Amino acid sequence: MIDTHYRWVIVAAGGLLGCIAIGAMFALPVFLLPISKDTGWSVTGISTAMTVGFLALAFASMFWGSLSDRWGPRPVVLTGSVLLAASLALASLATSLVAFQFVFGLVVGASVAAIFAPMMACVTGWFDTHRSLAVSLVSAGMGMAPMTMSPFAAWLITMHDWRTSLQIIALVVAVVMIPVSLLVRRAPALEAGGDASSAADEPQESMTTREVLRSPQFIILCLTNFFCCATHSGPIFHTVSYAITCGIPMIAAVTIYSIEGLAGMGGRVAFGILGDRFGAKHILVLGLFAQAFGALAYIFTGGLASFYIVAALFGFIYAGVMPLYAVIARENFPLRMMGTVIGGTAMAGSLGMALGPVAGGLIYDTFASYTWLYVGSWGIGLGAFLIAMTFRPVPKSREAAMAAA
């Protein structure tokens, strides 16, 4: 029987850890110009650290996820928290651009990856009921980063130089994340009696890691997440610039991103509730279809009010679908492999996220317009929808698979 009280502690811990970790990484855009002014490093060079961070986050996700399957989530999350605090402090001391790119990009990105996949995997194992809602709440906590850590970073930079500000954030990471990581526990099914104790109740328990990673279901899940993230990454990154090209002042244009983020908070909770009621796969498929047309809707915007409406709709949808991948993974693969599976899907999604900013920039430089970015996002979004439509649940047992054959 799952502890109905402590499982919500796991949810709160996951949301808080994710918020601070992701918020620390996303402090870089806030510090971008102050760093450039102080050091003389180019804005492009400093921004490259963020690109490196995304790639590090992508490729480290499966590594940390696999370790959490082997060791449990607590030592992995604790290691990531210590490494994140140390790397932020070291980045504040960097005297060359290359050193900054290495420490802030590679090490910080890899540290953040130690939080996301292991915590998502951990939460899915703690819940038999309300699983979609629980995962969505953790995701919502992570989504709070732009509304909490980013303003905090902006406040710090008004009072201190960027090095001191980054050191303060490193201190916050250490003081908050390290103790909170000690609250994290393995799911009871694995903690109490190892893998075998729940074998009778575990779906697809007899699958090996090799079989999981080569299964059509895992491949489809990764491809869907890749195309899903590629759909919304371009619009997320370029919409403020697009609004400015439409004649909207910069200060007002930035608020469009805030509206999108706020709507995303509601979307995560709403899609979680819907996923529990109607099934995560059905809601994901519908959400992907809606996301494609949400991206396309941007080409019909002009004034600030229309941007607000579309941003709220788009943010609600794309943020809402993201937690459902972890729920579908839990429904189809053994609990003992959740870190590996969710790490793999997170890697695919992060690679998809890395495409949007570059593709949008190339499109604008070529056509002097963002129209084809949103049309392209619509097409990619439909691709994600069609791929998700091909997903079929993994048979519950080898006997069922043989019967189906």
Protein backbone atom coordinates (compact mmCIF):
# COMPACT_ATOMS: atom_id res chain seq x y z
CA MET A 1 0.00 0.00 0.00
CA ILE A 2 1.47 3.34 -1.03
CA ASP A 3 1.87 5.91 1.76
CA THR A 4 -0.85 8.41 0.82
CA HIS A 5 0.72 11.14 2.94
CA TYR A 6 4.44 10.92 2.17
CA ARG A 7 3.87 10.64 -1.55
CA TRP A 8 2.78 14.30 -1.56
CA VAL A 9 6.03 15.18 0.18
CA ILE A 10 7.78 13.61 -2.81
CA VAL A 11 5.69 15.77 -5.15
CA ALA A 12 6.53 18.95 -3.20
CA ALA A 13 10.22 18.04 -3.09
CA GLY A 14 10.28 17.37 -6.83
CA GLY A 15 8.58 20.66 -7.65
CA LEU A 16 10.90 22.69 -5.39
CA LEU A 17 14.08 20.97 -6.57
CA GLY A 18 13.10 21.40 -10.21
CA CYS A 19 12.13 25.04 -9.75
CA ILE A 20 15.45 26.03 -8.19
CA ALA A 21 17.61 23.89 -10.50
CA ILE A 22 16.01 25.08 -13.72
CA GLY A 23 15.75 28.62 -12.38
CA ALA A 24 19.48 28.65 -11.63
CA MET A 25 20.26 27.60 -15.18
CA PHE A 26 17.88 30.18 -16.63
CA ALA A 27 19.53 32.96 -14.64
CA LEU A 28 21.97 33.23 -17.55
CA PRO A 29 19.60 35.23 -19.84
CA VAL A 30 19.15 37.71 -16.97
CA PHE A 31 22.90 38.05 -16.49
CA LEU A 32 23.69 38.07 -20.22
CA LEU A 33 24.31 41.79 -20.76
CA PRO A 34 25.92 42.46 -17.34
CA ILE A 35 28.41 39.62 -17.99
CA SER A 36 29.18 40.95 -21.46
CA LYS A 37 29.63 44.51 -20.20
CA ASP A 38 31.89 43.44 -17.34
CA THR A 39 34.08 40.97 -19.21
CA GLY A 40 33.99 42.13 -22.81
CA TRP A 41 32.88 38.66 -23.91
CA SER A 42 30.46 38.66 -26.85
CA VAL A 43 26.76 38.13 -26.24
CA THR A 44 26.86 35.29 -28.76
CA GLY A 45 29.73 33.63 -26.91
CA ILE A 46 27.97 33.87 -23.55
CA SER A 47 24.70 32.63 -25.08
CA THR A 48 26.57 29.63 -26.43
CA ALA A 49 26.91 28.47 -22.82
CA MET A 50 23.12 28.07 -22.77
CA THR A 51 23.17 26.01 -25.96
CA VAL A 52 25.88 23.80 -24.47
CA GLY A 53 23.75 23.54 -21.33
CA PHE A 54 20.74 22.28 -23.29
CA LEU A 55 22.86 19.68 -25.06
CA ALA A 56 24.46 18.59 -21.77
CA LEU A 57 21.03 18.33 -20.18
CA ALA A 58 19.85 16.21 -23.10
CA PHE A 59 22.69 13.70 -23.16
CA ALA A 60 23.08 13.48 -19.38
CA SER A 61 19.38 12.74 -18.79
CA MET A 62 19.54 9.04 -19.62
CA PHE A 63 22.83 8.66 -17.72
CA TRP A 64 21.40 10.08 -14.49
CA GLY A 65 18.11 8.27 -15.05
CA SER A 66 19.90 4.94 -15.34
CA LEU A 67 21.90 5.65 -12.18
CA SER A 68 18.69 6.45 -10.31
CA ASP A 69 17.33 3.04 -11.34
CA ARG A 70 20.44 1.40 -9.90
CA TRP A 71 21.13 3.51 -6.80
CA GLY A 72 17.75 5.09 -6.11
CA PRO A 73 16.79 8.74 -6.70
CA ARG A 74 18.14 10.20 -3.44
CA PRO A 75 21.91 9.79 -4.07
CA VAL A 76 21.51 10.95 -7.67
CA VAL A 77 19.49 14.04 -6.80
CA LEU A 78 21.82 14.82 -3.90
CA THR A 79 24.86 14.51 -6.17
CA GLY A 80 23.21 16.75 -8.76
CA SER A 81 22.39 19.37 -6.10
CA VAL A 82 25.96 19.46 -4.78
CA LEU A 83 27.38 19.55 -8.31
CA LEU A 84 24.99 22.35 -9.33
CA ALA A 85 25.93 24.54 -6.35
CA ALA A 86 29.64 23.95 -6.96
CA SER A 87 29.45 24.60 -10.71
CA LEU A 88 27.53 27.88 -10.25
CA ALA A 89 30.14 29.05 -7.77
CA LEU A 90 32.97 28.05 -10.11
CA ALA A 91 31.28 29.76 -13.08
CA SER A 92 31.23 33.01 -11.09
CA LEU A 93 35.03 32.81 -10.89
CA ALA A 94 35.63 32.12 -14.61
CA THR A 95 38.23 34.41 -16.15
CA SER A 96 37.83 33.27 -19.76
CA LEU A 97 34.86 32.73 -22.03
CA VAL A 98 35.86 29.14 -22.76
CA ALA A 99 36.04 28.34 -19.05
CA PHE A 100 32.63 29.93 -18.50
CA GLN A 101 31.11 27.99 -21.39
CA PHE A 102 32.52 24.75 -20.02
CA VAL A 103 31.50 25.25 -16.40
CA PHE A 104 28.14 26.99 -16.82
CA GLY A 105 27.21 25.16 -20.01
CA LEU A 106 28.46 21.61 -19.64
CA VAL A 107 28.55 21.13 -15.86
CA VAL A 108 25.46 23.15 -14.89
CA GLY A 109 23.44 21.54 -17.70
CA ALA A 110 24.52 18.06 -16.64
CA SER A 111 23.73 18.86 -13.00
CA VAL A 112 20.18 19.98 -13.81
CA ALA A 113 19.66 16.72 -15.70
CA ALA A 114 20.30 14.87 -12.43
CA ILE A 115 17.11 16.41 -11.04
CA PHE A 116 14.55 16.14 -13.84
CA ALA A 117 14.45 12.51 -14.98
CA PRO A 118 15.15 10.92 -11.55
CA MET A 119 12.43 12.99 -9.84
CA MET A 120 9.86 12.37 -12.56
CA ALA A 121 10.61 8.64 -12.40
CA CYS A 122 10.43 8.69 -8.61
CA VAL A 123 7.03 10.40 -8.53
CA THR A 124 5.47 8.00 -11.04
CA GLY A 125 6.37 5.10 -8.74
CA TRP A 126 4.76 6.66 -5.68
CA PHE A 127 1.31 6.97 -7.26
CA ASP A 128 -1.19 4.32 -8.30
CA THR A 129 -4.01 6.88 -8.41
CA HIS A 130 -3.83 10.57 -9.39
CA ARG A 131 -0.56 9.81 -11.16
CA SER A 132 -1.08 12.30 -14.00
CA LEU A 133 -1.97 15.04 -11.53
CA ALA A 134 1.06 14.29 -9.34
CA VAL A 135 3.51 14.39 -12.25
CA SER A 136 1.85 17.55 -13.55
CA LEU A 137 2.24 19.24 -10.17
CA VAL A 138 5.96 18.46 -10.15
CA SER A 139 6.17 19.86 -13.67
CA ALA A 140 4.22 22.93 -12.53
CA GLY A 141 6.77 23.47 -9.77
CA MET A 142 9.52 23.37 -12.37
CA GLY A 143 7.47 25.78 -14.48
CA MET A 144 7.52 28.27 -11.60
CA ALA A 145 11.22 28.96 -12.27
CA PRO A 146 10.65 31.89 -14.70
CA MET A 147 8.27 33.50 -12.19
CA THR A 148 10.44 33.01 -9.11
CA MET A 149 14.14 32.44 -9.74
CA SER A 150 14.34 34.76 -12.77
CA PRO A 151 12.91 37.79 -10.88
CA PHE A 152 15.18 36.88 -7.96
CA ALA A 153 18.18 36.90 -10.30
CA ALA A 154 17.04 40.23 -11.77
CA TRP A 155 16.74 41.70 -8.26
CA LEU A 156 20.22 40.46 -7.33
CA ILE A 157 21.83 42.01 -10.39
CA THR A 158 20.43 45.43 -9.45
CA MET A 159 22.31 45.26 -6.13
CA HIS A 160 25.46 43.27 -6.94
CA ASP A 161 27.73 42.46 -9.85
CA TRP A 162 27.05 39.26 -11.80
CA ARG A 163 29.74 37.26 -10.02
CA THR A 164 28.37 37.99 -6.55
CA SER A 165 24.81 37.41 -7.79
CA LEU A 166 25.76 34.00 -9.18
CA GLN A 167 27.48 33.10 -5.93
CA ILE A 168 24.32 33.99 -3.98
CA ILE A 169 22.28 31.75 -6.28
CA ALA A 170 24.83 28.97 -5.70
CA LEU A 171 24.34 29.47 -1.96
CA VAL A 172 20.55 29.25 -2.33
CA VAL A 173 20.96 26.01 -4.31
CA ALA A 174 23.14 24.53 -1.58
CA VAL A 175 21.01 25.69 1.36
CA VAL A 176 17.68 24.60 -0.12
CA MET A 177 18.32 21.77 -2.56
CA ILE A 178 20.75 19.66 -0.53
CA PRO A 179 18.43 19.30 2.51
CA VAL A 180 15.34 18.82 0.32
CA SER A 181 17.07 16.08 -1.68
CA LEU A 182 17.40 14.11 1.56
CA LEU A 183 13.59 13.89 1.67
CA VAL A 184 13.53 11.91 -1.58
CA ARG A 185 12.89 8.18 -1.24
CA ARG A 186 12.52 5.25 -3.59
CA ALA A 187 8.98 4.22 -4.45
CA PRO A 188 7.68 1.77 -1.78
CA ALA A 189 7.35 -1.05 -4.33
CA LEU A 190 11.12 -0.96 -4.87
CA GLU A 191 12.14 0.06 -1.35
CA ALA A 192 10.28 -2.66 0.50
CA GLY A 193 11.26 -5.79 -1.28
CA GLY A 194 13.27 -5.07 -4.37
CA ASP A 195 12.15 -5.70 -7.91
CA ALA A 196 10.72 -9.14 -7.29
CA SER A 197 8.27 -8.08 -4.60
CA SER A 198 6.01 -6.34 -7.06
CA ALA A 199 6.67 -8.50 -10.09
CA ALA A 200 3.15 -9.89 -10.10
CA ASP A 201 1.66 -6.41 -10.23
CA GLU A 202 4.28 -4.73 -12.41
CA PRO A 203 3.40 -4.32 -16.09
CA GLN A 204 5.98 -5.83 -18.43
CA GLU A 205 8.18 -6.77 -15.45
CA SER A 206 10.04 -9.44 -17.41
CA MET A 207 11.36 -6.93 -19.98
CA THR A 208 15.10 -6.31 -20.00
CA THR A 209 16.65 -2.88 -20.49
CA ARG A 210 17.69 -3.84 -24.01
CA GLU A 211 14.13 -4.90 -24.86
CA VAL A 212 12.73 -1.67 -23.44
CA LEU A 213 15.10 0.58 -25.38
CA ARG A 214 14.46 -1.32 -28.62
CA SER A 215 10.70 -1.52 -28.20
CA PRO A 216 8.46 0.34 -30.69
CA GLN A 217 6.70 1.99 -27.76
CA PHE A 218 9.90 3.57 -26.39
CA ILE A 219 11.00 4.69 -29.86
CA ILE A 220 7.59 6.20 -30.62
CA LEU A 221 7.52 7.96 -27.27
CA CYS A 222 10.95 9.50 -27.91
CA LEU A 223 10.09 10.55 -31.47
CA THR A 224 6.81 12.07 -30.33
CA ASN A 225 8.55 14.07 -27.59
CA PHE A 226 11.25 15.22 -30.02
CA PHE A 227 8.73 16.54 -32.55
CA CYS A 228 6.50 17.91 -29.80
CA CYS A 229 9.35 19.98 -28.33
CA ALA A 230 10.56 21.02 -31.79
CA THR A 231 7.03 22.33 -32.38
CA HIS A 232 6.94 24.72 -29.45
CA SER A 233 10.63 25.61 -28.97
CA GLY A 234 10.74 28.02 -31.93
CA PRO A 235 7.56 29.88 -30.98
CA ILE A 236 8.65 30.09 -27.34
CA PHE A 237 12.06 31.52 -28.19
CA HIS A 238 11.08 33.88 -31.02
CA THR A 239 7.60 35.15 -30.17
CA VAL A 240 8.86 38.24 -28.32
CA SER A 241 11.00 39.15 -31.34
CA TYR A 242 8.05 38.44 -33.63
CA ALA A 243 5.82 40.74 -31.59
CA ILE A 244 8.42 43.51 -31.84
CA THR A 245 8.49 43.13 -35.64
CA CYS A 246 4.70 43.58 -35.52
CA GLY A 247 5.19 46.99 -33.92
CA ILE A 248 4.66 46.07 -30.28
CA PRO A 249 7.05 47.86 -27.86
CA MET A 250 9.69 45.66 -26.26
CA ILE A 251 8.42 46.07 -22.68
CA ALA A 252 4.91 45.03 -23.74
CA ALA A 253 6.27 42.22 -25.91
CA VAL A 254 8.06 40.65 -22.94
CA THR A 255 4.75 40.40 -21.08
CA ILE A 256 3.51 38.02 -23.80
CA TYR A 257 6.04 35.47 -22.56
CA SER A 258 4.79 35.96 -19.00
CA ILE A 259 1.19 35.32 -20.09
CA GLU A 260 2.32 32.17 -21.85
CA GLY A 261 4.11 30.97 -18.71
CA LEU A 262 1.17 31.69 -16.41
CA ALA A 263 -1.22 29.85 -18.73
CA GLY A 264 1.20 26.93 -18.77
CA MET A 265 0.86 26.56 -15.02
CA GLY A 266 -2.88 26.04 -15.39
CA GLY A 267 -2.36 23.76 -18.37
CA ARG A 268 -0.14 21.37 -16.42
CA VAL A 269 -2.74 20.93 -13.69
CA ALA A 270 -5.70 20.73 -16.08
CA PHE A 271 -4.06 18.18 -18.37
CA GLY A 272 -3.02 16.15 -15.32
CA ILE A 273 -6.62 15.96 -14.11
CA LEU A 274 -7.84 15.11 -17.62
CA GLY A 275 -5.13 12.47 -18.01
CA ASP A 276 -6.28 10.75 -14.80
CA ARG A 277 -9.87 10.78 -15.96
CA PHE A 278 -9.64 9.95 -19.65
CA GLY A 279 -6.21 8.35 -20.00
CA ALA A 280 -2.84 10.02 -20.54
CA LYS A 281 -2.41 8.76 -24.10
CA HIS A 282 -5.77 10.09 -25.30
CA ILE A 283 -5.16 13.50 -23.76
CA LEU A 284 -1.63 13.63 -25.16
CA VAL A 285 -2.86 12.92 -28.69
CA LEU A 286 -5.56 15.59 -28.47
CA GLY A 287 -3.10 18.03 -26.92
CA LEU A 288 -0.56 17.52 -29.70
CA PHE A 289 -3.21 18.19 -32.33
CA ALA A 290 -4.28 21.37 -30.54
CA GLN A 291 -0.65 22.45 -30.07
CA ALA A 292 -0.03 22.37 -33.82
CA PHE A 293 -2.88 24.77 -34.50
CA GLY A 294 -1.93 26.88 -31.50
CA ALA A 295 1.45 27.49 -33.13
CA LEU A 296 -0.19 28.29 -36.47
CA ALA A 297 -2.50 30.81 -34.77
CA TYR A 298 0.45 33.15 -34.21
CA ILE A 299 0.50 34.13 -37.89
CA PHE A 300 -2.97 35.67 -37.42
CA THR A 301 -1.90 37.90 -34.54
CA GLY A 302 -1.19 41.59 -34.87
CA GLY A 303 -2.10 43.65 -31.84
CA LEU A 304 -1.10 43.02 -28.25
CA ALA A 305 -4.53 41.65 -27.29
CA SER A 306 -4.42 38.98 -30.00
CA PHE A 307 -0.89 38.02 -28.93
CA TYR A 308 -2.10 37.61 -25.35
CA ILE A 309 -4.97 35.35 -26.42
CA VAL A 310 -2.83 33.10 -28.60
CA ALA A 311 0.03 33.01 -26.06
CA ALA A 312 -2.35 31.98 -23.29
CA LEU A 313 -3.86 29.24 -25.46
CA PHE A 314 -0.51 27.99 -26.73
CA GLY A 315 1.13 28.05 -23.29
CA PHE A 316 -1.80 26.22 -21.73
CA ILE A 317 -1.53 23.43 -24.30
CA TYR A 318 2.21 22.88 -24.74
CA ALA A 319 2.93 22.99 -21.01
CA GLY A 320 -0.02 20.70 -20.33
CA VAL A 321 1.10 17.87 -22.60
CA MET A 322 4.68 17.66 -21.34
CA PRO A 323 4.12 15.75 -18.04
CA LEU A 324 2.01 13.12 -19.79
CA TYR A 325 5.06 11.43 -21.33
CA ALA A 326 6.23 10.30 -17.89
CA VAL A 327 2.77 8.92 -17.09
CA ILE A 328 2.63 6.94 -20.34
CA ALA A 329 6.13 5.61 -19.65
CA ARG A 330 5.04 4.39 -16.22
CA GLU A 331 1.97 2.68 -17.67
CA ASN A 332 4.02 0.74 -20.21
CA PHE A 333 7.42 -0.04 -18.69
CA PRO A 334 8.68 -1.54 -15.41
CA LEU A 335 9.08 0.77 -12.44
CA ARG A 336 12.67 -0.40 -11.97
CA MET A 337 13.56 1.18 -15.36
CA MET A 338 11.66 4.45 -15.05
CA GLY A 339 14.79 6.56 -14.70
CA THR A 340 16.24 5.15 -17.90
CA VAL A 341 12.98 5.46 -19.86
CA ILE A 342 12.10 8.96 -18.72
CA GLY A 343 15.74 10.00 -19.14
CA GLY A 344 15.58 8.78 -22.73
CA THR A 345 12.39 10.68 -23.52
CA ALA A 346 13.82 13.78 -21.80
CA MET A 347 16.92 13.52 -23.98
CA ALA A 348 14.78 13.40 -27.12
CA GLY A 349 12.72 16.37 -25.95
CA SER A 350 15.79 18.46 -25.10
CA LEU A 351 17.23 17.83 -28.57
CA GLY A 352 13.93 18.97 -30.03
CA MET A 353 14.08 22.11 -27.89
CA ALA A 354 17.55 22.86 -29.24
CA LEU A 355 16.25 23.02 -32.84
CA GLY A 356 13.68 25.80 -32.52
CA PRO A 357 15.90 28.80 -31.73
CA VAL A 358 18.36 27.99 -34.52
CA ALA A 359 15.67 27.17 -37.10
CA GLY A 360 13.71 30.32 -36.26
CA GLY A 361 16.80 32.48 -36.63
CA LEU A 362 17.65 30.94 -40.01
CA ILE A 363 14.08 31.41 -41.25
CA TYR A 364 13.99 35.05 -40.21
CA ASP A 365 17.41 35.77 -41.71
CA THR A 366 16.33 34.15 -44.99
CA PHE A 367 12.79 35.54 -45.37
CA ALA A 368 12.88 38.61 -43.09
CA SER A 369 9.67 37.22 -41.62
CA TYR A 370 8.64 34.74 -38.95
CA THR A 371 5.62 33.43 -40.86
CA TRP A 372 7.34 30.27 -42.05
CA LEU A 373 8.53 29.52 -38.51
CA TYR A 374 4.94 29.17 -37.33
CA VAL A 375 3.83 27.35 -40.47
CA GLY A 376 6.75 24.96 -40.02
CA SER A 377 5.90 24.50 -36.34
CA TRP A 378 2.34 23.65 -37.36
CA GLY A 379 3.63 20.96 -39.76
CA ILE A 380 6.02 19.53 -37.17
CA GLY A 381 3.20 19.56 -34.62
CA LEU A 382 0.97 17.56 -36.92
CA GLY A 383 3.86 15.14 -37.32
CA ALA A 384 4.03 14.71 -33.54
CA PHE A 385 0.28 14.07 -33.48
CA LEU A 386 0.47 11.43 -36.21
CA ILE A 387 3.42 9.67 -34.56
CA ALA A 388 1.57 9.59 -31.22
CA MET A 389 -1.44 8.06 -32.97
CA THR A 390 0.66 4.98 -33.80
CA PHE A 391 1.43 4.27 -30.13
CA ARG A 392 0.08 0.95 -28.86
CA PRO A 393 0.51 -0.13 -25.23
CA VAL A 394 3.15 -2.71 -24.42
CA PRO A 395 1.51 -6.11 -23.76
CA LYS A 396 1.23 -6.71 -20.02
CA SER A 397 3.15 -9.97 -20.19
CA ARG A 398 5.08 -12.20 -22.53
CA GLU A 399 2.11 -14.55 -22.57
CA ALA A 400 -0.11 -11.73 -23.77
CA ALA A 401 2.44 -10.82 -26.42
CA MET A 402 2.56 -14.41 -27.64
CA ALA A 403 -1.21 -14.58 -27.71
CA ALA A 404 -1.38 -11.38 -29.71
CA ALA A 405 1.14 -12.78 -32.19
